[in-house]
C-alpha atoms as a PDB file:
ATOM      1  CA  UNK A   1      56.271  -5.429 -22.681  1.00  0.00           C
ATOM      2  CA  UNK A   2      57.276  -8.417 -24.260  1.00  0.00           C
ATOM      3  CA  UNK A   3      58.410  -8.381 -27.812  1.00  0.00           C
ATOM      4  CA  UNK A   4      57.116 -11.192 -30.211  1.00  0.00           C
ATOM      5  CA  UNK A   5      59.705 -13.582 -31.456  1.00  0.00           C
ATOM      6  CA  UNK A   6      57.737 -13.741 -35.119  1.00  0.00           C
ATOM      7  CA  UNK A   7      59.041  -9.918 -35.264  1.00  0.00           C
ATOM      8  CA  UNK A   8      62.683 -10.612 -33.676  1.00  0.00           C
ATOM      9  CA  UNK A   9      63.191 -13.492 -35.991  1.00  0.00           C
ATOM     10  CA  UNK A  10      61.331 -11.154 -39.280  1.00  0.00           C
ATOM     11  CA  UNK A  11      63.786  -8.237 -38.657  1.00  0.00           C
ATOM     12  CA  UNK A  12      66.549 -10.230 -37.925  1.00  0.00           C
ATOM     13  CA  UNK A  13      66.203 -11.978 -41.269  1.00  0.00           C
ATOM     14  CA  UNK A  14      66.047  -8.691 -42.900  1.00  0.00           C
ATOM     15  CA  UNK A  15      68.968  -6.578 -40.489  1.00  0.00           C
ATOM     16  CA  UNK A  16      71.585  -9.745 -40.688  1.00  0.00           C
ATOM     17  CA  UNK A  17      72.493  -9.649 -44.587  1.00  0.00           C
ATOM     18  CA  UNK A  18      72.471  -5.711 -44.579  1.00  0.00           C
ATOM     19  CA  UNK A  19      74.824  -5.407 -41.645  1.00  0.00           C
ATOM     20  CA  UNK A  20      77.031  -8.384 -42.462  1.00  0.00           C
ATOM     21  CA  UNK A  21      77.259  -6.670 -46.340  1.00  0.00           C
ATOM     22  CA  UNK A  22      78.309  -3.330 -44.944  1.00  0.00           C
ATOM     23  CA  UNK A  23      80.653  -5.242 -42.397  1.00  0.00           C
ATOM     24  CA  UNK A  24      82.173  -7.284 -45.792  1.00  0.00           C
ATOM     25  CA  UNK A  25      82.718  -3.686 -47.741  1.00  0.00           C
ATOM     26  CA  UNK A  26      84.463  -1.957 -44.766  1.00  0.00           C
ATOM     27  CA  UNK A  27      86.822  -4.747 -44.277  1.00  0.00           C
ATOM     28  CA  UNK A  28      87.591  -4.634 -48.035  1.00  0.00           C
ATOM     29  CA  UNK A  29      88.088  -1.156 -48.502  1.00  0.00           C
ATOM     30  CA  UNK A  30      92.187  -0.510 -48.989  1.00  0.00           C
ATOM     31  CA  UNK A  31      94.139  -0.027 -45.453  1.00  0.00           C
ATOM     32  CA  UNK A  32      96.321   2.869 -45.581  1.00  0.00           C
ATOM     33  CA  UNK A  33      99.149   2.441 -47.247  1.00  0.00           C
ATOM     34  CA  UNK A  34     102.748   1.557 -45.123  1.00  0.00           C
ATOM     35  CA  UNK A  35     104.485   4.640 -44.151  1.00  0.00           C
ATOM     36  CA  UNK A  36     107.430   3.721 -46.569  1.00  0.00           C
ATOM     37  CA  UNK A  37     105.451   4.470 -49.430  1.00  0.00           C
ATOM     38  CA  UNK A  38     105.359   8.114 -48.398  1.00  0.00           C
ATOM     39  CA  UNK A  39     108.470  10.558 -49.072  1.00  0.00           C
ATOM     40  CA  UNK A  40     109.038  13.923 -48.447  1.00  0.00           C
ATOM     41  CA  UNK A  41     108.910  16.425 -50.571  1.00  0.00           C
ATOM     42  CA  UNK A  42     112.200  17.301 -51.096  1.00  0.00           C
ATOM     43  CA  UNK A  43     112.328  13.696 -52.306  1.00  0.00           C
ATOM     44  CA  UNK A  44     109.581  14.291 -54.247  1.00  0.00           C
ATOM     45  CA  UNK A  45     111.266  17.174 -55.858  1.00  0.00           C
ATOM     46  CA  UNK A  46     114.229  14.470 -56.877  1.00  0.00           C
ATOM     47  CA  UNK A  47     112.298  12.522 -58.568  1.00  0.00           C
ATOM     48  CA  UNK A  48     110.703  14.990 -60.535  1.00  0.00           C
ATOM     49  CA  UNK A  49     113.293  16.969 -61.334  1.00  0.00           C
ATOM     50  CA  UNK A  50     111.660  20.368 -60.172  1.00  0.00           C
ATOM     51  CA  UNK A  51     111.898  23.115 -57.516  1.00  0.00           C
ATOM     52  CA  UNK A  52     109.688  23.403 -54.360  1.00  0.00           C
ATOM     53  CA  UNK A  53     108.153  26.269 -55.654  1.00  0.00           C
ATOM     54  CA  UNK A  54     107.115  24.201 -58.642  1.00  0.00           C
ATOM     55  CA  UNK A  55     106.086  21.156 -56.789  1.00  0.00           C
ATOM     56  CA  UNK A  56     104.086  23.548 -54.495  1.00  0.00           C
ATOM     57  CA  UNK A  57     102.162  24.939 -57.315  1.00  0.00           C
ATOM     58  CA  UNK A  58     101.038  21.392 -58.761  1.00  0.00           C
ATOM     59  CA  UNK A  59     100.057  20.636 -55.127  1.00  0.00           C
ATOM     60  CA  UNK A  60      97.791  24.416 -55.352  1.00  0.00           C
ATOM     61  CA  UNK A  61      96.524  23.397 -58.953  1.00  0.00           C
ATOM     62  CA  UNK A  62      95.127  19.827 -57.409  1.00  0.00           C
ATOM     63  CA  UNK A  63      97.751  17.742 -59.574  1.00  0.00           C
ATOM     64  CA  UNK A  64      99.295  16.568 -56.183  1.00  0.00           C
ATOM     65  CA  UNK A  65      98.311  15.459 -53.333  1.00  0.00           C
ATOM     66  CA  UNK A  66      99.920  15.758 -50.021  1.00  0.00           C
ATOM     67  CA  UNK A  67      99.856  14.115 -46.281  1.00  0.00           C
ATOM     68  CA  UNK A  68     100.282  15.887 -43.330  1.00  0.00           C
ATOM     69  CA  UNK A  69     101.998  14.087 -40.783  1.00  0.00           C
ATOM     70  CA  UNK A  70     102.514  16.567 -37.577  1.00  0.00           C
ATOM     71  CA  UNK A  71     104.315  19.125 -39.235  1.00  0.00           C
ATOM     72  CA  UNK A  72     105.784  17.290 -42.300  1.00  0.00           C
ATOM     73  CA  UNK A  73     104.129  17.033 -45.975  1.00  0.00           C
ATOM     74  CA  UNK A  74     104.549  14.123 -47.387  1.00  0.00           C
ATOM     75  CA  UNK A  75     103.688  12.107 -50.629  1.00  0.00           C
ATOM     76  CA  UNK A  76     102.397   9.210 -52.018  1.00  0.00           C
ATOM     77  CA  UNK A  77     105.515   7.681 -53.969  1.00  0.00           C
ATOM     78  CA  UNK A  78     103.578   5.205 -55.746  1.00  0.00           C
ATOM     79  CA  UNK A  79     100.656   7.865 -57.167  1.00  0.00           C
ATOM     80  CA  UNK A  80     103.552  10.331 -57.593  1.00  0.00           C
ATOM     81  CA  UNK A  81     105.333   8.025 -60.129  1.00  0.00           C
ATOM     82  CA  UNK A  82     102.046   6.804 -61.794  1.00  0.00           C
ATOM     83  CA  UNK A  83     100.675  10.086 -62.700  1.00  0.00           C
ATOM     84  CA  UNK A  84     104.358  10.619 -64.026  1.00  0.00           C
ATOM     85  CA  UNK A  85     104.356   8.128 -66.239  1.00  0.00           C
ATOM     86  CA  UNK A  86     100.852   8.281 -67.339  1.00  0.00           C
ATOM     87  CA  UNK A  87     101.324  11.691 -68.301  1.00  0.00           C
ATOM     88  CA  UNK A  88      98.295  12.958 -65.895  1.00  0.00           C
ATOM     89  CA  UNK A  89     101.335  14.845 -63.915  1.00  0.00           C
ATOM     90  CA  UNK A  90     103.241  16.943 -66.877  1.00  0.00           C
ATOM     91  CA  UNK A  91     105.920  19.371 -65.539  1.00  0.00           C
ATOM     92  CA  UNK A  92     107.550  21.919 -67.246  1.00  0.00           C
ATOM     93  CA  UNK A  93     111.359  22.095 -66.613  1.00  0.00           C
ATOM     94  CA  UNK A  94     112.257  25.488 -63.884  1.00  0.00           C
ATOM     95  CA  UNK A  95     113.607  28.200 -66.104  1.00  0.00           C
ATOM     96  CA  UNK A  96     116.333  29.103 -63.229  1.00  0.00           C
ATOM     97  CA  UNK A  97     117.271  25.453 -62.506  1.00  0.00           C
ATOM     98  CA  UNK A  98     120.680  24.307 -63.617  1.00  0.00           C
END
């Protein structure tokens, strides 16, 4: 059974822009940031001047997002600094930290 070339052209004309647009959208999406933009939890705590329990309390509240890399938890440094600077992330001082 042969498909009429007019039908093939008709559907090709319809599908080509849809597929092209989908591919271009997929290419435009931001690739994952380089690994050097992620820092360990201890480094994030130093930047934020908070303890690890305070840090993880913010993670549990959804204020900070972690990325797992094997057994390590990593934080996007740029996002952390942006949230801190914009006031989206506000940290209170630890009661027992000196």
